Protein backbone atom coordinates (compact mmCIF):
# COMPACT_ATOMS: atom_id res chain seq x y z
CA MET A 1 7.05 126.44 64.28
CA ASN A 2 9.25 125.12 67.05
CA ARG A 3 8.93 127.59 70.02
CA THR A 4 11.62 125.76 72.11
CA ALA A 5 14.81 127.43 73.20
CA CYS A 6 17.90 125.95 74.89
CA LEU A 7 20.88 126.93 76.92
CA LEU A 8 24.30 125.25 76.78
CA PHE A 9 26.40 126.07 79.84
CA SER A 10 29.73 125.07 81.37
CA CYS A 11 31.86 126.29 84.26
CA PRO A 12 34.15 125.04 86.95
CA ASP A 13 32.22 122.73 89.24
CA LYS A 14 31.08 123.98 92.66
CA SER A 15 27.95 123.93 94.85
CA GLY A 16 24.93 126.03 93.97
CA ILE A 17 25.34 126.13 90.21
CA ILE A 18 22.07 124.53 89.42
CA ALA A 19 20.21 126.73 91.95
CA HIS A 20 21.65 129.86 90.24
CA ILE A 21 20.54 128.74 86.82
CA VAL A 22 17.10 127.67 87.94
CA SER A 23 16.61 131.07 89.73
CA PHE A 24 17.42 132.90 86.54
CA PHE A 25 14.59 131.32 84.79
CA THR A 26 12.18 131.33 87.72
CA LEU A 27 12.53 135.04 88.24
CA ARG A 28 11.56 135.53 84.61
CA GLY A 29 8.48 133.27 84.87
CA LEU A 30 9.96 130.66 82.62
CA SER A 31 9.23 126.94 83.17
CA ILE A 32 12.12 124.69 82.36
CA SER A 33 10.90 121.64 80.39
CA ARG A 34 14.18 119.74 80.32
CA PHE A 35 17.39 119.89 82.30
CA GLU A 36 20.54 117.79 81.89
CA GLU A 37 23.81 118.08 83.62
CA TYR A 38 27.18 116.29 83.88
CA THR A 39 30.30 116.89 85.90
CA ASP A 40 33.70 115.72 84.63
CA ALA A 41 37.20 116.45 85.86
CA GLY A 42 36.07 119.36 87.92
CA GLN A 43 33.92 120.93 85.21
CA PHE A 44 30.11 121.39 85.19
CA PHE A 45 28.11 120.97 81.94
CA SER A 46 24.47 121.52 81.49
CA ARG A 47 21.80 121.86 78.79
CA LEU A 48 18.27 123.01 79.45
CA GLU A 49 15.20 123.77 77.37
CA TRP A 50 12.13 125.99 77.83
CA GLN A 51 9.16 127.23 75.79
CA LEU A 52 9.27 130.66 74.26
CA ALA A 53 6.36 132.91 74.66
CA ASP A 54 5.13 135.34 71.94
CA ASP A 55 6.66 138.26 73.98
CA SER A 56 9.95 136.44 74.81
CA PRO A 57 13.05 138.54 74.56
CA SER A 58 15.37 137.91 71.62
CA ARG A 59 18.23 135.56 71.83
CA ALA A 60 20.68 138.50 72.17
CA GLU A 61 18.60 140.04 74.94
CA PHE A 62 18.62 136.70 76.78
CA ALA A 63 22.42 136.55 76.48
CA ARG A 64 22.89 140.01 77.76
CA SER A 65 20.76 139.32 80.81
CA PHE A 66 22.48 136.06 81.48
CA GLN A 67 26.05 137.47 81.17
CA PRO A 68 26.30 138.74 84.85
CA LEU A 69 25.51 135.25 86.07
CA ALA A 70 28.00 133.70 83.78
CA ASP A 71 30.67 136.12 84.88
CA GLU A 72 29.93 135.28 88.48
CA LEU A 73 30.38 131.53 87.77
CA ASP A 74 33.23 131.97 85.32
CA ALA A 75 31.07 130.21 82.74
CA GLU A 76 30.88 129.84 79.04
CA PHE A 77 27.36 129.64 77.53
CA ARG A 78 25.32 129.91 74.42
CA PHE A 79 21.60 130.22 73.67
CA HIS A 80 19.68 128.93 70.68
CA PHE A 81 16.09 129.56 69.77
CA PHE A 82 14.76 126.83 67.55
CA ASN A 83 12.37 129.13 65.77
CA GLU A 84 15.42 130.63 64.02
CA THR A 85 16.24 128.93 60.83
CA GLN A 86 19.70 127.30 60.70
CA GLN A 87 21.86 127.10 57.56
CA LEU A 88 23.67 123.84 56.83
CA GLY A 89 26.34 123.52 54.11
CA LEU A 90 27.71 120.21 52.82
CA PHE A 91 30.96 119.23 51.07
CA VAL A 92 31.10 115.88 49.09
CA SER A 93 33.48 114.00 46.80
CA HIS A 94 32.64 111.03 44.62
CA GLU A 95 30.97 108.73 47.37
CA PRO A 96 27.43 110.03 47.80
CA HIS A 97 26.10 107.73 50.58
CA ALA A 98 26.59 110.14 53.58
CA LEU A 99 25.29 113.02 51.43
CA ILE A 100 22.15 111.06 50.38
CA GLU A 101 21.38 110.08 53.96
CA VAL A 102 21.52 113.67 55.15
CA LEU A 103 19.35 114.84 52.23
CA ASN A 104 16.67 112.19 52.87
CA LYS A 105 16.62 112.82 56.65
CA HIS A 106 16.29 116.58 55.92
CA GLU A 107 13.47 115.95 53.57
CA ALA A 108 11.82 113.75 56.22
CA GLY A 109 11.96 116.44 58.71
CA ASP A 110 14.60 115.06 60.99
CA TYR A 111 16.51 118.36 60.98
CA PRO A 112 13.88 120.85 62.07
CA ASN A 113 14.33 124.56 61.30
CA THR A 114 17.29 123.75 59.16
CA GLU A 115 17.89 124.69 55.56
CA ILE A 116 20.56 122.91 53.52
CA SER A 117 21.67 126.09 51.71
CA PHE A 118 24.39 124.66 49.45
CA VAL A 119 26.50 121.66 48.54
CA ILE A 120 30.09 121.99 47.24
CA GLY A 121 31.39 118.91 45.38
CA ASN A 122 34.64 118.17 43.56
CA ARG A 123 32.85 115.66 41.28
CA GLU A 124 30.10 116.49 38.85
CA SER A 125 28.72 113.01 39.25
CA VAL A 126 26.86 114.09 42.39
CA ARG A 127 25.16 117.20 40.89
CA HIS A 128 21.97 115.40 39.94
CA ILE A 129 21.52 113.98 43.41
CA VAL A 130 21.67 117.46 44.94
CA GLU A 131 19.63 119.31 42.34
CA ARG A 132 16.90 116.58 42.61
CA HIS A 133 16.38 118.17 46.12
CA GLU A 134 16.42 121.71 44.74
CA ILE A 135 19.54 122.63 46.60
CA PRO A 136 22.24 124.80 44.94
CA PHE A 137 25.24 122.67 43.84
CA HIS A 138 28.63 124.22 43.34
CA PHE A 139 31.32 122.24 41.55
CA VAL A 140 34.81 123.29 42.58
CA LYS A 141 37.69 121.21 41.17
CA THR A 142 40.25 120.34 43.86
CA TRP A 143 44.00 120.07 43.54
CA LYS A 144 46.78 118.57 45.50
CA ASP A 145 47.61 122.17 46.67
CA PRO A 146 44.54 123.49 48.72
CA ALA A 147 45.58 127.05 47.90
CA LYS A 148 44.28 126.45 44.34
CA HIS A 149 40.70 125.58 45.44
CA GLU A 150 40.04 126.77 48.92
CA PRO A 151 39.65 130.48 48.05
CA ARG A 152 36.78 129.61 45.70
CA GLN A 153 35.20 127.32 48.31
CA LEU A 154 35.47 130.06 50.92
CA GLU A 155 33.80 132.59 48.60
CA ILE A 156 30.75 130.18 48.43
CA VAL A 157 30.81 129.65 52.23
CA LYS A 158 30.85 133.46 52.73
CA GLN A 159 27.97 133.88 50.31
CA TYR A 160 25.72 131.50 52.32
CA GLN A 161 27.12 132.11 55.80
CA PRO A 162 26.11 128.67 57.18
CA ASP A 163 25.82 127.92 60.86
CA LEU A 164 27.28 124.43 60.36
CA ILE A 165 29.29 122.61 57.73
CA GLY A 166 29.24 118.85 57.15
CA LEU A 167 32.00 117.02 55.31
CA ALA A 168 29.94 114.19 53.76
CA ARG A 169 32.82 111.90 52.80
CA TYR A 170 34.73 115.02 51.29
CA MET A 171 37.97 113.26 50.53
CA LYS A 172 40.28 116.26 50.88
CA VAL A 173 42.26 117.61 53.84
CA VAL A 174 41.13 121.08 54.88
CA THR A 175 43.61 123.61 56.07
CA ALA A 176 43.76 125.54 59.28
CA ASN A 177 43.07 128.70 57.36
CA PHE A 178 39.97 127.15 55.92
CA ILE A 179 38.68 125.99 59.27
CA GLU A 180 39.17 129.37 60.78
CA SER A 181 37.74 131.24 57.79
CA THR A 182 34.41 129.44 57.65
CA ASN A 183 33.49 130.92 61.05
CA CYS A 184 31.31 127.92 61.97
CA PRO A 185 31.76 124.40 63.26
CA ILE A 186 32.66 121.70 60.84
CA VAL A 187 31.61 118.00 61.21
CA ASN A 188 33.56 115.23 59.50
CA ILE A 189 32.91 111.43 59.01
CA HIS A 190 35.54 108.75 58.41
CA HIS A 191 36.00 105.01 58.94
CA SER A 192 37.35 103.89 62.29
CA PHE A 193 40.24 101.93 61.02
CA LEU A 194 42.46 104.89 61.76
CA PRO A 195 45.19 105.08 62.92
CA SER A 196 45.99 101.40 62.27
CA PHE A 197 45.25 101.41 58.49
CA VAL A 198 46.24 104.64 56.91
CA GLY A 199 46.09 105.42 53.21
CA ALA A 200 43.81 105.00 50.24
CA LYS A 201 42.88 101.29 50.78
CA PRO A 202 42.01 100.82 54.48
CA TYR A 203 39.40 98.12 53.78
CA GLU A 204 41.86 95.98 51.81
CA MET A 205 44.53 96.39 54.61
CA ALA A 206 41.85 95.56 57.14
CA TYR A 207 40.75 92.48 55.26
CA GLU A 208 44.30 91.23 54.90
CA ARG A 209 44.70 91.54 58.67
CA GLY A 210 41.39 89.74 59.38
CA VAL A 211 39.81 92.45 61.44
CA LYS A 212 36.75 91.42 63.38
CA LEU A 213 35.23 94.85 64.09
CA MET A 214 34.66 97.91 61.80
CA GLY A 215 33.00 101.17 62.34
CA ALA A 216 32.85 104.95 61.79
CA THR A 217 33.63 108.06 63.69
CA SER A 218 32.24 111.52 63.35
CA HIS A 219 33.89 114.52 64.91
CA TYR A 220 34.38 118.24 64.92
CA VAL A 221 37.21 119.32 62.59
CA THR A 222 40.38 120.87 64.04
CA PRO A 223 43.65 121.66 62.33
CA GLU A 224 45.01 118.30 63.53
CA LEU A 225 43.91 115.76 60.96
CA ASP A 226 41.24 113.46 62.26
CA GLN A 227 41.94 114.44 65.84
CA GLY A 228 38.96 116.62 66.66
CA PRO A 229 36.43 116.14 69.46
CA ILE A 230 34.37 113.01 68.70
CA ILE A 231 30.56 113.38 68.43
CA GLU A 232 29.38 109.93 67.52
CA GLN A 233 30.75 106.50 66.72
CA GLY A 234 29.35 103.26 65.45
CA VAL A 235 30.65 99.71 65.23
CA ILE A 236 29.73 96.34 63.67
CA ARG A 237 31.16 92.91 63.69
CA VAL A 238 32.73 91.59 60.43
CA GLN A 239 31.11 88.28 59.56
CA PRO A 240 33.08 85.23 58.38
CA GLY A 241 33.31 85.09 54.64
CA GLN A 242 32.66 88.68 53.96
CA SER A 243 34.62 89.97 51.03
CA ILE A 244 36.34 93.37 50.73
CA GLU A 245 33.31 94.63 48.77
CA ASP A 246 30.97 93.40 51.45
CA MET A 247 33.01 95.13 54.02
CA LYS A 248 32.98 98.39 52.04
CA LYS A 249 29.14 98.24 51.79
CA VAL A 250 28.70 97.70 55.47
CA GLY A 251 31.24 100.46 56.17
CA ARG A 252 29.26 102.88 54.01
CA ASP A 253 26.03 102.02 55.90
CA ILE A 254 27.79 102.76 59.26
CA GLU A 255 29.40 105.95 58.00
CA LYS A 256 26.09 107.47 56.77
CA GLN A 257 24.21 106.60 59.98
CA VAL A 258 26.96 107.88 62.24
CA PHE A 259 27.38 111.08 60.17
CA ALA A 260 23.60 111.81 60.12
CA THR A 261 23.37 111.35 63.81
CA ALA A 262 26.35 113.60 64.51
CA LEU A 263 24.79 116.34 62.45
CA SER A 264 21.55 115.89 64.24
CA LYS A 265 23.31 116.24 67.64
CA ALA A 266 25.01 119.47 66.39
CA LEU A 267 21.88 121.02 64.88
CA HIS A 268 19.85 120.22 67.91
CA HIS A 269 22.53 121.92 69.99
CA LYS A 270 23.29 118.94 72.14
CA THR A 271 27.06 119.16 72.19
CA ILE A 272 29.69 121.09 74.17
CA THR A 273 33.40 120.75 73.33
CA TYR A 274 35.84 120.80 76.14
CA SER A 275 39.52 119.93 76.16
CA ASN A 276 39.27 118.15 72.82
CA ARG A 277 36.29 116.16 73.97
CA THR A 278 32.62 116.48 73.13
CA ILE A 279 29.93 116.33 75.91
CA VAL A 280 26.90 114.97 74.12
CA PHE A 281 23.48 115.41 75.71
CA ASP A 282 20.47 113.16 75.16
């Protein structure tokens, strides 16, 4: 069992912040095993890890004892104990490459203390992939009007209460109500041709324009379509003579890698969002 815990912390930058944080842990006899910090535009960001003892206080107790320091520094913070199992939910449409990558990485142990509790799909064609991993699959047909399918999706989300949702090439726009009602962060993946090539055939348009670079972007979902804080990106050069189908294959490879990495960063609690940007720790 992973006995590591972490603190994510941000506040207006000023002298003495690190000393205050370190003192909090020193006074409790806790040895910090990892400490990262950044400053950006007058804001201080940090992430630290320490080892939990058998008699360590609960996460809620840690938060309560840390609150006076946070108030003093005008800070936002969150703790995570990695011995607590996290619940991940996934949404998918007809393209399974990002889903398969996440399922395989989960099976290989790349997402420790994480359970993929459900997958919601709007195509029955992916059911066998999910059930092969003994994960509950829920088929929910989607319509042009989200009001026809989002209530059922939200019923399923409420049933499992995930800590994180990943849109594994789920090819439908989610509404602001859906985002708010899930009560957890949502991570999306899409190609990086946006905003230049919009629509159903971005690879065809990119091919006609003779693009030389292609990639993928994974970000947290916000009500503004594809405008959320970016977590991870990847890029590759288009080789001379590559067909549209070649480009699509390479694009799928980049998408699944970037998506899996973004989920890993989120599940390892290595991100802080601030002013529509994501601070990503190593």
